Amino acid sequence: MKVENQTAIELSNEELDVVAGGTDVFTDVTQYQSEILVVGQKAESAAGGSSAAANIARQKINAKAAHLIGLAS
């Protein structure tokens, strides 16, 4: 394999910045929120009868995530 061009090339400062890369930016953001509601109820009566019971449970979950990657020259 023969290399045709072996002359040195002078790069400008702007071209050197592009070749060198620049600044990397990485940002991660996460959010998690949970709400739990538990309700219980019980009713009784005497003299041979009546009873009641109720249980209610609710859970609400909110989750978010973002990831940003950037390259600035």
PDB file of N, CA and C in Angstrom:
ATOM      1  N   MET A   1       0.837  -1.166   0.000  1.00  0.00           N
ATOM      2  CA  MET A   1       0.000   0.000   0.000  1.00  0.00           C
ATOM      3  C   MET A   1       0.881   1.228   0.000  1.00  0.00           C
ATOM      4  N   LYS A   2       0.615   2.127  -0.913  1.00  0.00           N
ATOM      5  CA  LYS A   2       1.433   3.317  -1.055  1.00  0.00           C
ATOM      6  C   LYS A   2       0.650   4.535  -0.562  1.00  0.00           C
ATOM      7  N   VAL A   3       1.279   5.356   0.288  1.00  0.00           N
ATOM      8  CA  VAL A   3       0.659   6.582   0.790  1.00  0.00           C
ATOM      9  C   VAL A   3       1.030   7.710  -0.146  1.00  0.00           C
ATOM     10  N   GLU A   4       0.018   8.348  -0.735  1.00  0.00           N
ATOM     11  CA  GLU A   4       0.256   9.390  -1.729  1.00  0.00           C
ATOM     12  C   GLU A   4       0.599  10.743  -1.109  1.00  0.00           C
ATOM     13  N   ASN A   5      -0.096  11.122  -0.023  1.00  0.00           N
ATOM     14  CA  ASN A   5       0.064  12.463   0.541  1.00  0.00           C
ATOM     15  C   ASN A   5       0.786  12.374   1.878  1.00  0.00           C
ATOM     16  N   GLN A   6       2.004  12.885   1.926  1.00  0.00           N
ATOM     17  CA  GLN A   6       2.765  12.884   3.165  1.00  0.00           C
ATOM     18  C   GLN A   6       3.162  14.297   3.577  1.00  0.00           C
ATOM     19  N   THR A   7       2.506  15.294   3.030  1.00  0.00           N
ATOM     20  CA  THR A   7       2.831  16.668   3.402  1.00  0.00           C
ATOM     21  C   THR A   7       2.094  17.049   4.681  1.00  0.00           C
ATOM     22  N   ALA A   8       2.725  17.888   5.476  1.00  0.00           N
ATOM     23  CA  ALA A   8       2.120  18.349   6.727  1.00  0.00           C
ATOM     24  C   ALA A   8       1.047  19.389   6.417  1.00  0.00           C
ATOM     25  N   ILE A   9      -0.023  19.348   7.184  1.00  0.00           N
ATOM     26  CA  ILE A   9      -1.112  20.314   7.026  1.00  0.00           C
ATOM     27  C   ILE A   9      -1.257  21.074   8.335  1.00  0.00           C
ATOM     28  N   GLU A  10      -1.276  22.379   8.244  1.00  0.00           N
ATOM     29  CA  GLU A  10      -1.459  23.232   9.419  1.00  0.00           C
ATOM     30  C   GLU A  10      -2.957  23.462   9.621  1.00  0.00           C
ATOM     31  N   LEU A  11      -3.460  23.118  10.819  1.00  0.00           N
ATOM     32  CA  LEU A  11      -4.878  23.313  11.124  1.00  0.00           C
ATOM     33  C   LEU A  11      -5.081  24.614  11.884  1.00  0.00           C
ATOM     34  N   SER A  12      -6.219  25.263  11.627  1.00  0.00           N
ATOM     35  CA  SER A  12      -6.555  26.488  12.368  1.00  0.00           C
ATOM     36  C   SER A  12      -6.999  26.102  13.775  1.00  0.00           C
ATOM     37  N   ASN A  13      -7.107  27.080  14.666  1.00  0.00           N
ATOM     38  CA  ASN A  13      -7.544  26.815  16.041  1.00  0.00           C
ATOM     39  C   ASN A  13      -8.946  26.217  16.070  1.00  0.00           C
ATOM     40  N   GLU A  14      -9.815  26.687  15.199  1.00  0.00           N
ATOM     41  CA  GLU A  14     -11.172  26.155  15.137  1.00  0.00           C
ATOM     42  C   GLU A  14     -11.166  24.692  14.701  1.00  0.00           C
ATOM     43  N   GLU A  15     -10.358  24.362  13.710  1.00  0.00           N
ATOM     44  CA  GLU A  15     -10.258  22.976  13.257  1.00  0.00           C
ATOM     45  C   GLU A  15      -9.649  22.087  14.337  1.00  0.00           C
ATOM     46  N   LEU A  16      -8.684  22.615  15.087  1.00  0.00           N
ATOM     47  CA  LEU A  16      -8.094  21.841  16.181  1.00  0.00           C
ATOM     48  C   LEU A  16      -9.117  21.554  17.274  1.00  0.00           C
ATOM     49  N   ASP A  17      -9.991  22.523  17.558  1.00  0.00           N
ATOM     50  CA  ASP A  17     -11.044  22.306  18.560  1.00  0.00           C
ATOM     51  C   ASP A  17     -11.988  21.191  18.126  1.00  0.00           C
ATOM     52  N   VAL A  18     -12.304  21.140  16.826  1.00  0.00           N
ATOM     53  CA  VAL A  18     -13.192  20.092  16.319  1.00  0.00           C
ATOM     54  C   VAL A  18     -12.521  18.735  16.444  1.00  0.00           C
ATOM     55  N   VAL A  19     -11.258  18.651  16.088  1.00  0.00           N
ATOM     56  CA  VAL A  19     -10.521  17.390  16.164  1.00  0.00           C
ATOM     57  C   VAL A  19     -10.328  16.961  17.613  1.00  0.00           C
ATOM     58  N   ALA A  20     -10.074  17.919  18.496  1.00  0.00           N
ATOM     59  CA  ALA A  20      -9.819  17.610  19.898  1.00  0.00           C
ATOM     60  C   ALA A  20     -11.077  17.144  20.614  1.00  0.00           C
ATOM     61  N   GLY A  21     -12.241  17.479  20.128  1.00  0.00           N
ATOM     62  CA  GLY A  21     -13.477  17.017  20.759  1.00  0.00           C
ATOM     63  C   GLY A  21     -14.279  18.156  21.311  1.00  0.00           C
ATOM     64  N   GLY A  22     -13.952  18.646  22.465  1.00  0.00           N
ATOM     65  CA  GLY A  22     -14.729  19.702  23.097  1.00  0.00           C
ATOM     66  C   GLY A  22     -15.143  19.281  24.487  1.00  0.00           C
ATOM     67  N   THR A  23     -16.352  19.641  24.859  1.00  0.00           N
ATOM     68  CA  THR A  23     -16.860  19.377  26.199  1.00  0.00           C
ATOM     69  C   THR A  23     -17.996  18.366  26.134  1.00  0.00           C
ATOM     70  N   ASP A  24     -17.923  17.353  26.979  1.00  0.00           N
ATOM     71  CA  ASP A  24     -19.003  16.374  27.090  1.00  0.00           C
ATOM     72  C   ASP A  24     -19.925  16.782  28.228  1.00  0.00           C
ATOM     73  N   VAL A  25     -21.222  16.657  28.021  1.00  0.00           N
ATOM     74  CA  VAL A  25     -22.217  16.996  29.039  1.00  0.00           C
ATOM     75  C   VAL A  25     -23.092  15.771  29.273  1.00  0.00           C
ATOM     76  N   PHE A  26     -23.166  15.331  30.514  1.00  0.00           N
ATOM     77  CA  PHE A  26     -24.011  14.205  30.901  1.00  0.00           C
ATOM     78  C   PHE A  26     -24.894  14.642  32.063  1.00  0.00           C
ATOM     79  N   THR A  27     -26.187  14.447  31.931  1.00  0.00           N
ATOM     80  CA  THR A  27     -27.118  14.806  32.998  1.00  0.00           C
ATOM     81  C   THR A  27     -28.132  13.682  33.170  1.00  0.00           C
ATOM     82  N   ASP A  28     -28.324  13.252  34.409  1.00  0.00           N
ATOM     83  CA  ASP A  28     -29.342  12.260  34.753  1.00  0.00           C
ATOM     84  C   ASP A  28     -30.300  12.866  35.763  1.00  0.00           C
ATOM     85  N   VAL A  29     -31.593  12.686  35.526  1.00  0.00           N
ATOM     86  CA  VAL A  29     -32.610  13.177  36.449  1.00  0.00           C
ATOM     87  C   VAL A  29     -33.609  12.047  36.673  1.00  0.00           C
ATOM     88  N   THR A  30     -33.887  11.738  37.934  1.00  0.00           N
ATOM     89  CA  THR A  30     -34.897  10.741  38.260  1.00  0.00           C
ATOM     90  C   THR A  30     -35.813  11.274  39.347  1.00  0.00           C
ATOM     91  N   GLN A  31     -37.068  10.846  39.305  1.00  0.00           N
ATOM     92  CA  GLN A  31     -38.035  11.249  40.314  1.00  0.00           C
ATOM     93  C   GLN A  31     -38.920  10.043  40.617  1.00  0.00           C
ATOM     94  N   TYR A  32     -39.179   9.789  41.898  1.00  0.00           N
ATOM     95  CA  TYR A  32     -40.040   8.696  42.317  1.00  0.00           C
ATOM     96  C   TYR A  32     -40.931   9.193  43.438  1.00  0.00           C
ATOM     97  N   GLN A  33     -42.224   8.952  43.304  1.00  0.00           N
ATOM     98  CA  GLN A  33     -43.177   9.372  44.329  1.00  0.00           C
ATOM     99  C   GLN A  33     -44.204   8.259  44.510  1.00  0.00           C
ATOM    100  N   SER A  34     -44.513   7.937  45.759  1.00  0.00           N
ATOM    101  CA  SER A  34     -45.487   6.895  46.045  1.00  0.00           C
ATOM    102  C   SER A  34     -46.447   7.384  47.127  1.00  0.00           C
ATOM    103  N   GLU A  35     -47.727   7.162  46.895  1.00  0.00           N
ATOM    104  CA  GLU A  35     -48.750   7.489  47.890  1.00  0.00           C
ATOM    105  C   GLU A  35     -49.536   6.213  48.187  1.00  0.00           C
ATOM    106  N   ILE A  36     -49.692   5.902  49.472  1.00  0.00           N
ATOM    107  CA  ILE A  36     -50.441   4.718  49.880  1.00  0.00           C
ATOM    108  C   ILE A  36     -51.562   5.158  50.816  1.00  0.00           C
ATOM    109  N   LEU A  37     -52.774   4.722  50.510  1.00  0.00           N
ATOM    110  CA  LEU A  37     -53.937   5.025  51.336  1.00  0.00           C
ATOM    111  C   LEU A  37     -54.565   3.702  51.769  1.00  0.00           C
ATOM    112  N   VAL A  38     -54.692   3.498  53.070  1.00  0.00           N
ATOM    113  CA  VAL A  38     -55.309   2.289  53.609  1.00  0.00           C
ATOM    114  C   VAL A  38     -56.440   2.717  54.544  1.00  0.00           C
ATOM    115  N   VAL A  39     -57.641   2.173  54.292  1.00  0.00           N
ATOM    116  CA  VAL A  39     -58.813   2.489  55.107  1.00  0.00           C
ATOM    117  C   VAL A  39     -59.429   1.173  55.571  1.00  0.00           C
ATOM    118  N   GLY A  40     -59.738   1.079  56.827  1.00  0.00           N
ATOM    119  CA  GLY A  40     -60.390  -0.101  57.372  1.00  0.00           C
ATOM    120  C   GLY A  40     -61.628   0.311  58.162  1.00  0.00           C
ATOM    121  N   GLN A  41     -62.659  -0.530  58.132  1.00  0.00           N
ATOM    122  CA  GLN A  41     -63.892  -0.228  58.852  1.00  0.00           C
ATOM    123  C   GLN A  41     -64.469  -1.534  59.374  1.00  0.00           C
ATOM    124  N   LYS A  42     -65.005  -1.498  60.572  1.00  0.00           N
ATOM    125  CA  LYS A  42     -65.634  -2.682  61.143  1.00  0.00           C
ATOM    126  C   LYS A  42     -66.827  -2.233  61.978  1.00  0.00           C
ATOM    127  N   ALA A  43     -67.924  -2.897  61.825  1.00  0.00           N
ATOM    128  CA  ALA A  43     -69.120  -2.584  62.614  1.00  0.00           C
ATOM    129  C   ALA A  43     -69.671  -3.884  63.194  1.00  0.00           C
ATOM    130  N   GLU A  44     -70.098  -3.852  64.406  1.00  0.00           N
ATOM    131  CA  GLU A  44     -70.671  -5.020  65.064  1.00  0.00           C
ATOM    132  C   GLU A  44     -71.912  -4.591  65.833  1.00  0.00           C
ATOM    133  N   SER A  45     -72.752  -5.524  66.073  1.00  0.00           N
ATOM    134  CA  SER A  45     -73.856  -5.294  67.005  1.00  0.00           C
ATOM    135  C   SER A  45     -74.032  -6.555  67.836  1.00  0.00           C
ATOM    136  N   ALA A  46     -74.783  -6.458  68.854  1.00  0.00           N
ATOM    137  CA  ALA A  46     -74.903  -7.578  69.798  1.00  0.00           C
ATOM    138  C   ALA A  46     -76.259  -8.261  69.675  1.00  0.00           C
ATOM    139  N   ALA A  47     -76.538  -9.090  70.631  1.00  0.00           N
ATOM    140  CA  ALA A  47     -77.789  -9.850  70.761  1.00  0.00           C
ATOM    141  C   ALA A  47     -78.005 -10.783  69.577  1.00  0.00           C
ATOM    142  N   GLY A  48     -76.961 -11.476  69.206  1.00  0.00           N
ATOM    143  CA  GLY A  48     -77.106 -12.557  68.253  1.00  0.00           C
ATOM    144  C   GLY A  48     -76.975 -12.208  66.782  1.00  0.00           C
ATOM    145  N   GLY A  49     -76.557 -11.037  66.396  1.00  0.00           N
ATOM    146  CA  GLY A  49     -76.442 -10.805  64.976  1.00  0.00           C
ATOM    147  C   GLY A  49     -75.673  -9.557  64.599  1.00  0.00           C
ATOM    148  N   SER A  50     -75.540  -9.356  63.299  1.00  0.00           N
ATOM    149  CA  SER A  50     -74.927  -8.220  62.616  1.00  0.00           C
ATOM    150  C   SER A  50     -73.413  -8.136  62.773  1.00  0.00           C
ATOM    151  N   SER A  51     -72.799  -7.972  61.648  1.00  0.00           N
ATOM    152  CA  SER A  51     -71.362  -7.724  61.593  1.00  0.00           C
ATOM    153  C   SER A  51     -71.044  -7.207  60.189  1.00  0.00           C
ATOM    154  N   ALA A  52     -70.106  -6.346  60.078  1.00  0.00           N
ATOM    155  CA  ALA A  52     -69.704  -5.812  58.776  1.00  0.00           C
ATOM    156  C   ALA A  52     -68.215  -5.497  58.826  1.00  0.00           C
ATOM    157  N   ALA A  53     -67.553  -5.620  57.708  1.00  0.00           N
ATOM    158  CA  ALA A  53     -66.130  -5.297  57.633  1.00  0.00           C
ATOM    159  C   ALA A  53     -65.819  -4.783  56.232  1.00  0.00           C
ATOM    160  N   ALA A  54     -64.917  -3.838  56.132  1.00  0.00           N
ATOM    161  CA  ALA A  54     -64.497  -3.306  54.834  1.00  0.00           C
ATOM    162  C   ALA A  54     -63.038  -2.878  54.930  1.00  0.00           C
ATOM    163  N   ASN A  55     -62.285  -3.204  53.922  1.00  0.00           N
ATOM    164  CA  ASN A  55     -60.886  -2.782  53.822  1.00  0.00           C
ATOM    165  C   ASN A  55     -60.646  -2.231  52.424  1.00  0.00           C
ATOM    166  N   ILE A  56     -60.035  -1.082  52.362  1.00  0.00           N
ATOM    167  CA  ILE A  56     -59.722  -0.449  51.084  1.00  0.00           C
ATOM    168  C   ILE A  56     -58.256  -0.060  51.101  1.00  0.00           C
ATOM    169  N   ALA A  57     -57.545  -0.389  50.050  1.00  0.00           N
ATOM    170  CA  ALA A  57     -56.140  -0.003  49.924  1.00  0.00           C
ATOM    171  C   ALA A  57     -55.906   0.520  48.508  1.00  0.00           C
ATOM    172  N   ARG A  58     -55.198   1.614  48.430  1.00  0.00           N
ATOM    173  CA  ARG A  58     -54.881   2.199  47.129  1.00  0.00           C
ATOM    174  C   ARG A  58     -53.430   2.665  47.148  1.00  0.00           C
ATOM    175  N   GLN A  59     -52.711   2.401  46.064  1.00  0.00           N
ATOM    176  CA  GLN A  59     -51.335   2.870  45.931  1.00  0.00           C
ATOM    177  C   GLN A  59     -51.183   3.580  44.590  1.00  0.00           C
ATOM    178  N   LYS A  60     -50.608   4.751  44.637  1.00  0.00           N
ATOM    179  CA  LYS A  60     -50.361   5.549  43.433  1.00  0.00           C
ATOM    180  C   LYS A  60     -48.849   5.758  43.307  1.00  0.00           C
ATOM    181  N   ILE A  61     -48.285   5.374  42.171  1.00  0.00           N
ATOM    182  CA  ILE A  61     -46.841   5.497  41.939  1.00  0.00           C
ATOM    183  C   ILE A  61     -46.608   6.388  40.729  1.00  0.00           C
ATOM    184  N   ASN A  62     -45.711   7.336  40.891  1.00  0.00           N
ATOM    185  CA  ASN A  62     -45.323   8.234  39.804  1.00  0.00           C
ATOM    186  C   ASN A  62     -43.802   8.184  39.681  1.00  0.00           C
ATOM    187  N   ALA A  63     -43.298   7.739  38.539  1.00  0.00           N
ATOM    188  CA  ALA A  63     -41.850   7.627  38.336  1.00  0.00           C
ATOM    189  C   ALA A  63     -41.487   8.273  36.993  1.00  0.00           C
ATOM    190  N   LYS A  64     -40.413   9.072  37.018  1.00  0.00           N
ATOM    191  CA  LYS A  64     -39.941   9.725  35.807  1.00  0.00           C
ATOM    192  C   LYS A  64     -38.419   9.634  35.759  1.00  0.00           C
ATOM    193  N   ALA A  65     -37.872   9.579  34.539  1.00  0.00           N
ATOM    194  CA  ALA A  65     -36.419   9.561  34.372  1.00  0.00           C
ATOM    195  C   ALA A  65     -36.060  10.217  33.049  1.00  0.00           C
ATOM    196  N   ALA A  66     -34.937  10.923  33.054  1.00  0.00           N
ATOM    197  CA  ALA A  66     -34.426  11.564  31.836  1.00  0.00           C
ATOM    198  C   ALA A  66     -32.910  11.449  31.832  1.00  0.00           C
ATOM    199  N   HIS A  67     -32.355  11.248  30.653  1.00  0.00           N
ATOM    200  CA  HIS A  67     -30.898  11.145  30.491  1.00  0.00           C
ATOM    201  C   HIS A  67     -30.503  12.002  29.298  1.00  0.00           C
ATOM    202  N   LEU A  68     -29.588  12.926  29.518  1.00  0.00           N
ATOM    203  CA  LEU A  68     -29.156  13.847  28.464  1.00  0.00           C
ATOM    204  C   LEU A  68     -27.655  13.677  28.239  1.00  0.00           C
ATOM    205  N   ILE A  69     -27.282  13.483  26.989  1.00  0.00           N
ATOM    206  CA  ILE A  69     -25.870  13.409  26.606  1.00  0.00           C
ATOM    207  C   ILE A  69     -25.649  14.452  25.518  1.00  0.00           C
ATOM    208  N   GLY A  70     -24.652  15.284  25.702  1.00  0.00           N
ATOM    209  CA  GLY A  70     -24.369  16.306  24.703  1.00  0.00           C
ATOM    210  C   GLY A  70     -22.881  16.488  24.498  1.00  0.00           C
ATOM    211  N   LEU A  71     -22.515  16.956  23.323  1.00  0.00           N
ATOM    212  CA  LEU A  71     -21.127  17.243  22.986  1.00  0.00           C
ATOM    213  C   LEU A  71     -21.082  18.645  22.410  1.00  0.00           C
ATOM    214  N   ALA A  72     -20.330  19.512  23.057  1.00  0.00           N
ATOM    215  CA  ALA A  72     -20.186  20.889  22.586  1.00  0.00           C
ATOM    216  C   ALA A  72     -18.733  21.095  22.181  1.00  0.00           C
ATOM    217  N   SER A  73     -18.555  21.757  21.085  1.00  0.00           N
ATOM    218  CA  SER A  73     -17.184  22.000  20.638  1.00  0.00           C
ATOM    219  C   SER A  73     -16.698  23.364  21.074  1.00  0.00           C
TER     220      SER A  73
END
